[in-house]
Amino acid sequence: AVTNTIRIPEDRQFEKLKVLSIAGLI
């Protein structure tokens, strides 16, 4: 699990990766 503070390109994403938004916190 990671936050979306850095954009992760499609080719670096994988099934086990969960990207959590920090938009609400900001």
PDB file of all heavy atoms in Angstrom:
ATOM      1  N   ALA A   1       0.849  -1.195   0.000  1.00  0.00           N
ATOM      2  CA  ALA A   1       0.000   0.000   0.000  1.00  0.00           C
ATOM      3  C   ALA A   1       0.884   1.244   0.000  1.00  0.00           C
ATOM      4  O   ALA A   1       1.846   1.324   0.763  1.00  0.00           O
ATOM      5  CB  ALA A   1      -0.910   0.015   1.225  1.00  0.00           C
ATOM      6  N   VAL A   2       0.574   2.172  -0.890  1.00  0.00           N
ATOM      7  CA  VAL A   2       1.322   3.423  -1.001  1.00  0.00           C
ATOM      8  C   VAL A   2       0.329   4.561  -1.190  1.00  0.00           C
ATOM      9  O   VAL A   2      -0.826   4.335  -1.528  1.00  0.00           O
ATOM     10  CB  VAL A   2       2.331   3.394  -2.182  1.00  0.00           C
ATOM     11  CG1 VAL A   2       3.367   2.309  -1.989  1.00  0.00           C
ATOM     12  CG2 VAL A   2       1.610   3.207  -3.507  1.00  0.00           C
ATOM     13  N   THR A   3       0.785   5.780  -0.978  1.00  0.00           N
ATOM     14  CA  THR A   3      -0.069   6.934  -1.251  1.00  0.00           C
ATOM     15  C   THR A   3       0.206   7.448  -2.662  1.00  0.00           C
ATOM     16  O   THR A   3       1.197   7.078  -3.288  1.00  0.00           O
ATOM     17  CB  THR A   3       0.179   8.072  -0.239  1.00  0.00           C
ATOM     18  OG1 THR A   3       1.510   8.549  -0.393  1.00  0.00           O
ATOM     19  CG2 THR A   3      -0.066   7.601   1.188  1.00  0.00           C
ATOM     20  N   ASN A   4      -0.660   8.309  -3.129  1.00  0.00           N
ATOM     21  CA  ASN A   4      -0.512   8.854  -4.483  1.00  0.00           C
ATOM     22  C   ASN A   4       0.251  10.174  -4.505  1.00  0.00           C
ATOM     23  O   ASN A   4      -0.025  11.044  -5.320  1.00  0.00           O
ATOM     24  CB  ASN A   4      -1.884   9.008  -5.142  1.00  0.00           C
ATOM     25  CG  ASN A   4      -2.777  10.005  -4.439  1.00  0.00           C
ATOM     26  OD1 ASN A   4      -2.515  10.408  -3.301  1.00  0.00           O
ATOM     27  ND2 ASN A   4      -3.847  10.402  -5.101  1.00  0.00           N
ATOM     28  N   THR A   5       1.247  10.315  -3.635  1.00  0.00           N
ATOM     29  CA  THR A   5       2.057  11.533  -3.626  1.00  0.00           C
ATOM     30  C   THR A   5       2.951  11.633  -4.847  1.00  0.00           C
ATOM     31  O   THR A   5       3.403  12.719  -5.198  1.00  0.00           O
ATOM     32  CB  THR A   5       2.932  11.610  -2.363  1.00  0.00           C
ATOM     33  OG1 THR A   5       3.756  10.444  -2.305  1.00  0.00           O
ATOM     34  CG2 THR A   5       2.076  11.711  -1.106  1.00  0.00           C
ATOM     35  N   ILE A   6       3.211  10.501  -5.479  1.00  0.00           N
ATOM     36  CA  ILE A   6       4.004  10.451  -6.717  1.00  0.00           C
ATOM     37  C   ILE A   6       3.202   9.623  -7.723  1.00  0.00           C
ATOM     38  O   ILE A   6       2.720   8.538  -7.398  1.00  0.00           O
ATOM     39  CB  ILE A   6       5.378   9.791  -6.477  1.00  0.00           C
ATOM     40  CG1 ILE A   6       6.180  10.609  -5.466  1.00  0.00           C
ATOM     41  CG2 ILE A   6       6.138   9.622  -7.791  1.00  0.00           C
ATOM     42  CD1 ILE A   6       7.468   9.954  -5.018  1.00  0.00           C
ATOM     43  N   ARG A   7       3.050  10.131  -8.932  1.00  0.00           N
ATOM     44  CA  ARG A   7       2.306   9.394  -9.962  1.00  0.00           C
ATOM     45  C   ARG A   7       3.046   8.117 -10.319  1.00  0.00           C
ATOM     46  O   ARG A   7       4.257   8.124 -10.535  1.00  0.00           O
ATOM     47  CB  ARG A   7       2.126  10.255 -11.213  1.00  0.00           C
ATOM     48  CG  ARG A   7       1.164   9.636 -12.233  1.00  0.00           C
ATOM     49  CD  ARG A   7       1.011  10.472 -13.470  1.00  0.00           C
ATOM     50  NE  ARG A   7       2.096  10.296 -14.414  1.00  0.00           N
ATOM     51  CZ  ARG A   7       2.300   9.201 -15.155  1.00  0.00           C
ATOM     52  NH1 ARG A   7       1.523   8.171 -15.028  1.00  0.00           N
ATOM     53  NH2 ARG A   7       3.302   9.148 -16.008  1.00  0.00           N
ATOM     54  N   ILE A   8       2.310   7.029 -10.377  1.00  0.00           N
ATOM     55  CA  ILE A   8       2.900   5.737 -10.717  1.00  0.00           C
ATOM     56  C   ILE A   8       2.437   5.371 -12.125  1.00  0.00           C
ATOM     57  O   ILE A   8       1.250   5.135 -12.351  1.00  0.00           O
ATOM     58  CB  ILE A   8       2.475   4.644  -9.717  1.00  0.00           C
ATOM     59  CG1 ILE A   8       2.875   5.059  -8.295  1.00  0.00           C
ATOM     60  CG2 ILE A   8       3.090   3.305 -10.096  1.00  0.00           C
ATOM     61  CD1 ILE A   8       2.312   4.178  -7.212  1.00  0.00           C
ATOM     62  N   PRO A   9       3.366   5.324 -13.090  1.00  0.00           N
ATOM     63  CA  PRO A   9       2.990   4.989 -14.461  1.00  0.00           C
ATOM     64  C   PRO A   9       2.364   3.587 -14.544  1.00  0.00           C
ATOM     65  O   PRO A   9       2.659   2.718 -13.733  1.00  0.00           O
ATOM     66  CB  PRO A   9       4.321   5.024 -15.219  1.00  0.00           C
ATOM     67  CG  PRO A   9       5.239   5.827 -14.365  1.00  0.00           C
ATOM     68  CD  PRO A   9       4.785   5.606 -12.957  1.00  0.00           C
ATOM     69  N   GLU A  10       1.495   3.392 -15.519  1.00  0.00           N
ATOM     70  CA  GLU A  10       0.809   2.105 -15.716  1.00  0.00           C
ATOM     71  C   GLU A  10       1.769   0.917 -15.736  1.00  0.00           C
ATOM     72  O   GLU A  10       1.482  -0.110 -15.145  1.00  0.00           O
ATOM     73  CB  GLU A  10       0.041   2.111 -17.045  1.00  0.00           C
ATOM     74  CG  GLU A  10      -1.237   2.877 -17.043  1.00  0.00           C
ATOM     75  CD  GLU A  10      -2.386   2.129 -16.384  1.00  0.00           C
ATOM     76  OE1 GLU A  10      -2.476   0.900 -16.504  1.00  0.00           O
ATOM     77  OE2 GLU A  10      -3.194   2.811 -15.754  1.00  0.00           O
ATOM     78  N   ASP A  11       2.894   1.074 -16.429  1.00  0.00           N
ATOM     79  CA  ASP A  11       3.808  -0.059 -16.578  1.00  0.00           C
ATOM     80  C   ASP A  11       4.521  -0.434 -15.280  1.00  0.00           C
ATOM     81  O   ASP A  11       5.183  -1.461 -15.212  1.00  0.00           O
ATOM     82  CB  ASP A  11       4.834   0.215 -17.677  1.00  0.00           C
ATOM     83  CG  ASP A  11       5.750   1.389 -17.377  1.00  0.00           C
ATOM     84  OD1 ASP A  11       5.321   2.334 -16.691  1.00  0.00           O
ATOM     85  OD2 ASP A  11       6.907   1.355 -17.840  1.00  0.00           O
ATOM     86  N   ARG A  12       4.382   0.375 -14.237  1.00  0.00           N
ATOM     87  CA  ARG A  12       5.003   0.070 -12.946  1.00  0.00           C
ATOM     88  C   ARG A  12       3.973  -0.389 -11.904  1.00  0.00           C
ATOM     89  O   ARG A  12       4.331  -0.687 -10.780  1.00  0.00           O
ATOM     90  CB  ARG A  12       5.764   1.282 -12.432  1.00  0.00           C
ATOM     91  CG  ARG A  12       6.925   1.629 -13.349  1.00  0.00           C
ATOM     92  CD  ARG A  12       7.728   2.755 -12.830  1.00  0.00           C
ATOM     93  NE  ARG A  12       8.591   3.251 -13.900  1.00  0.00           N
ATOM     94  CZ  ARG A  12       9.337   4.314 -13.807  1.00  0.00           C
ATOM     95  NH1 ARG A  12       9.338   5.015 -12.698  1.00  0.00           N
ATOM     96  NH2 ARG A  12      10.082   4.705 -14.809  1.00  0.00           N
ATOM     97  N   GLN A  13       2.719  -0.423 -12.296  1.00  0.00           N
ATOM     98  CA  GLN A  13       1.684  -0.888 -11.385  1.00  0.00           C
ATOM     99  C   GLN A  13       1.537  -2.396 -11.514  1.00  0.00           C
ATOM    100  O   GLN A  13       1.840  -2.975 -12.560  1.00  0.00           O
ATOM    101  CB  GLN A  13       0.367  -0.178 -11.693  1.00  0.00           C
ATOM    102  CG  GLN A  13       0.456   1.311 -11.423  1.00  0.00           C
ATOM    103  CD  GLN A  13      -0.853   2.023 -11.671  1.00  0.00           C
ATOM    104  OE1 GLN A  13      -1.918   1.441 -11.573  1.00  0.00           O
ATOM    105  NE2 GLN A  13      -0.765   3.307 -11.991  1.00  0.00           N
ATOM    106  N   PHE A  14       1.077  -3.032 -10.443  1.00  0.00           N
ATOM    107  CA  PHE A  14       0.920  -4.485 -10.431  1.00  0.00           C
ATOM    108  C   PHE A  14      -0.211  -4.848  -9.487  1.00  0.00           C
ATOM    109  O   PHE A  14      -0.684  -4.022  -8.701  1.00  0.00           O
ATOM    110  CB  PHE A  14       2.229  -5.173 -10.046  1.00  0.00           C
ATOM    111  CG  PHE A  14       2.866  -4.642  -8.791  1.00  0.00           C
ATOM    112  CD1 PHE A  14       2.684  -5.274  -7.575  1.00  0.00           C
ATOM    113  CD2 PHE A  14       3.654  -3.489  -8.829  1.00  0.00           C
ATOM    114  CE1 PHE A  14       3.272  -4.775  -6.428  1.00  0.00           C
ATOM    115  CE2 PHE A  14       4.243  -2.984  -7.674  1.00  0.00           C
ATOM    116  CZ  PHE A  14       4.053  -3.637  -6.471  1.00  0.00           C
ATOM    117  N   GLU A  15      -0.671  -6.081  -9.578  1.00  0.00           N
ATOM    118  CA  GLU A  15      -1.865  -6.511  -8.853  1.00  0.00           C
ATOM    119  C   GLU A  15      -1.774  -6.318  -7.340  1.00  0.00           C
ATOM    120  O   GLU A  15      -2.745  -5.947  -6.694  1.00  0.00           O
ATOM    121  CB  GLU A  15      -2.148  -7.977  -9.160  1.00  0.00           C
ATOM    122  CG  GLU A  15      -3.483  -8.447  -8.627  1.00  0.00           C
ATOM    123  CD  GLU A  15      -3.796  -9.859  -9.055  1.00  0.00           C
ATOM    124  OE1 GLU A  15      -3.698 -10.149 -10.263  1.00  0.00           O
ATOM    125  OE2 GLU A  15      -4.139 -10.654  -8.173  1.00  0.00           O
ATOM    126  N   LYS A  16      -0.625  -6.547  -6.747  1.00  0.00           N
ATOM    127  CA  LYS A  16      -0.458  -6.435  -5.295  1.00  0.00           C
ATOM    128  C   LYS A  16      -0.412  -4.983  -4.811  1.00  0.00           C
ATOM    129  O   LYS A  16      -0.480  -4.731  -3.620  1.00  0.00           O
ATOM    130  CB  LYS A  16       0.845  -7.105  -4.850  1.00  0.00           C
ATOM    131  CG  LYS A  16       0.906  -8.581  -5.050  1.00  0.00           C
ATOM    132  CD  LYS A  16       2.262  -9.075  -4.549  1.00  0.00           C
ATOM    133  CE  LYS A  16       2.503 -10.511  -4.853  1.00  0.00           C
ATOM    134  NZ  LYS A  16       3.813 -10.953  -4.338  1.00  0.00           N
ATOM    135  N   LEU A  17      -0.269  -4.036  -5.718  1.00  0.00           N
ATOM    136  CA  LEU A  17      -0.109  -2.626  -5.359  1.00  0.00           C
ATOM    137  C   LEU A  17      -1.466  -1.961  -5.157  1.00  0.00           C
ATOM    138  O   LEU A  17      -2.333  -2.013  -6.021  1.00  0.00           O
ATOM    139  CB  LEU A  17       0.651  -1.891  -6.462  1.00  0.00           C
ATOM    140  CG  LEU A  17       0.961  -0.422  -6.209  1.00  0.00           C
ATOM    141  CD1 LEU A  17       1.971  -0.277  -5.074  1.00  0.00           C
ATOM    142  CD2 LEU A  17       1.483   0.229  -7.475  1.00  0.00           C
ATOM    143  N   LYS A  18      -1.639  -1.329  -3.998  1.00  0.00           N
ATOM    144  CA  LYS A  18      -2.841  -0.561  -3.690  1.00  0.00           C
ATOM    145  C   LYS A  18      -2.422   0.882  -3.471  1.00  0.00           C
ATOM    146  O   LYS A  18      -1.606   1.167  -2.602  1.00  0.00           O
ATOM    147  CB  LYS A  18      -3.534  -1.080  -2.429  1.00  0.00           C
ATOM    148  CG  LYS A  18      -3.885  -2.548  -2.469  1.00  0.00           C
ATOM    149  CD  LYS A  18      -4.851  -2.873  -3.589  1.00  0.00           C
ATOM    150  CE  LYS A  18      -5.146  -4.363  -3.602  1.00  0.00           C
ATOM    151  NZ  LYS A  18      -5.347  -4.919  -4.889  1.00  0.00           N
ATOM    152  N   VAL A  19      -2.953   1.796  -4.281  1.00  0.00           N
ATOM    153  CA  VAL A  19      -2.601   3.206  -4.193  1.00  0.00           C
ATOM    154  C   VAL A  19      -3.740   3.946  -3.483  1.00  0.00           C
ATOM    155  O   VAL A  19      -4.884   3.905  -3.919  1.00  0.00           O
ATOM    156  CB  VAL A  19      -2.352   3.812  -5.590  1.00  0.00           C
ATOM    157  CG1 VAL A  19      -1.962   5.273  -5.478  1.00  0.00           C
ATOM    158  CG2 VAL A  19      -1.275   3.019  -6.328  1.00  0.00           C
ATOM    159  N   LEU A  20      -3.395   4.592  -2.367  1.00  0.00           N
ATOM    160  CA  LEU A  20      -4.371   5.301  -1.546  1.00  0.00           C
ATOM    161  C   LEU A  20      -4.258   6.811  -1.774  1.00  0.00           C
ATOM    162  O   LEU A  20      -3.163   7.362  -1.786  1.00  0.00           O
ATOM    163  CB  LEU A  20      -4.124   4.987  -0.068  1.00  0.00           C
ATOM    164  CG  LEU A  20      -4.057   3.496   0.277  1.00  0.00           C
ATOM    165  CD1 LEU A  20      -3.630   3.304   1.719  1.00  0.00           C
ATOM    166  CD2 LEU A  20      -5.386   2.834   0.003  1.00  0.00           C
ATOM    167  N   SER A  21      -5.388   7.458  -1.941  1.00  0.00           N
ATOM    168  CA  SER A  21      -5.404   8.894  -2.199  1.00  0.00           C
ATOM    169  C   SER A  21      -5.235   9.694  -0.908  1.00  0.00           C
ATOM    170  O   SER A  21      -5.809   9.361   0.127  1.00  0.00           O
ATOM    171  CB  SER A  21      -6.726   9.280  -2.854  1.00  0.00           C
ATOM    172  OG  SER A  21      -6.793  10.687  -3.004  1.00  0.00           O
ATOM    173  N   ILE A  22      -4.470  10.768  -1.008  1.00  0.00           N
ATOM    174  CA  ILE A  22      -4.325  11.689   0.125  1.00  0.00           C
ATOM    175  C   ILE A  22      -5.123  12.970  -0.110  1.00  0.00           C
ATOM    176  O   ILE A  22      -4.999  13.930   0.641  1.00  0.00           O
ATOM    177  CB  ILE A  22      -2.842  12.029   0.404  1.00  0.00           C
ATOM    178  CG1 ILE A  22      -2.218  12.772  -0.778  1.00  0.00           C
ATOM    179  CG2 ILE A  22      -2.065  10.789   0.772  1.00  0.00           C
ATOM    180  CD1 ILE A  22      -0.944  13.482  -0.424  1.00  0.00           C
ATOM    181  N   ALA A  23      -5.985  12.979  -1.120  1.00  0.00           N
ATOM    182  CA  ALA A  23      -6.745  14.178  -1.479  1.00  0.00           C
ATOM    183  C   ALA A  23      -7.567  14.705  -0.310  1.00  0.00           C
ATOM    184  O   ALA A  23      -7.591  15.909  -0.047  1.00  0.00           O
ATOM    185  CB  ALA A  23      -7.643  13.894  -2.680  1.00  0.00           C
ATOM    186  N   GLY A  24      -8.253  13.820   0.415  1.00  0.00           N
ATOM    187  CA  GLY A  24      -9.075  14.252   1.547  1.00  0.00           C
ATOM    188  C   GLY A  24      -8.249  14.917   2.627  1.00  0.00           C
ATOM    189  O   GLY A  24      -8.650  15.933   3.207  1.00  0.00           O
ATOM    190  N   LEU A  25      -7.092  14.348   2.907  1.00  0.00           N
ATOM    191  CA  LEU A  25      -6.206  14.904   3.928  1.00  0.00           C
ATOM    192  C   LEU A  25      -5.700  16.290   3.519  1.00  0.00           C
ATOM    193  O   LEU A  25      -5.698  17.222   4.327  1.00  0.00           O
ATOM    194  CB  LEU A  25      -5.025  13.968   4.158  1.00  0.00           C
ATOM    195  CG  LEU A  25      -4.004  14.393   5.200  1.00  0.00           C
ATOM    196  CD1 LEU A  25      -4.641  14.494   6.574  1.00  0.00           C
ATOM    197  CD2 LEU A  25      -2.840  13.406   5.220  1.00  0.00           C
ATOM    198  N   ILE A  26      -5.307  16.442   2.274  1.00  0.00           N
ATOM    199  CA  ILE A  26      -4.834  17.738   1.777  1.00  0.00           C
ATOM    200  C   ILE A  26      -5.972  18.764   1.828  1.00  0.00           C
ATOM    201  O   ILE A  26      -5.777  19.911   2.236  1.00  0.00           O
ATOM    202  CB  ILE A  26      -4.278  17.610   0.334  1.00  0.00           C
ATOM    203  CG1 ILE A  26      -3.066  16.695   0.306  1.00  0.00           C
ATOM    204  CG2 ILE A  26      -3.954  18.978  -0.256  1.00  0.00           C
ATOM    205  CD1 ILE A  26      -1.883  17.175   1.106  1.00  0.00           C
TER     206      ILE A  26
END
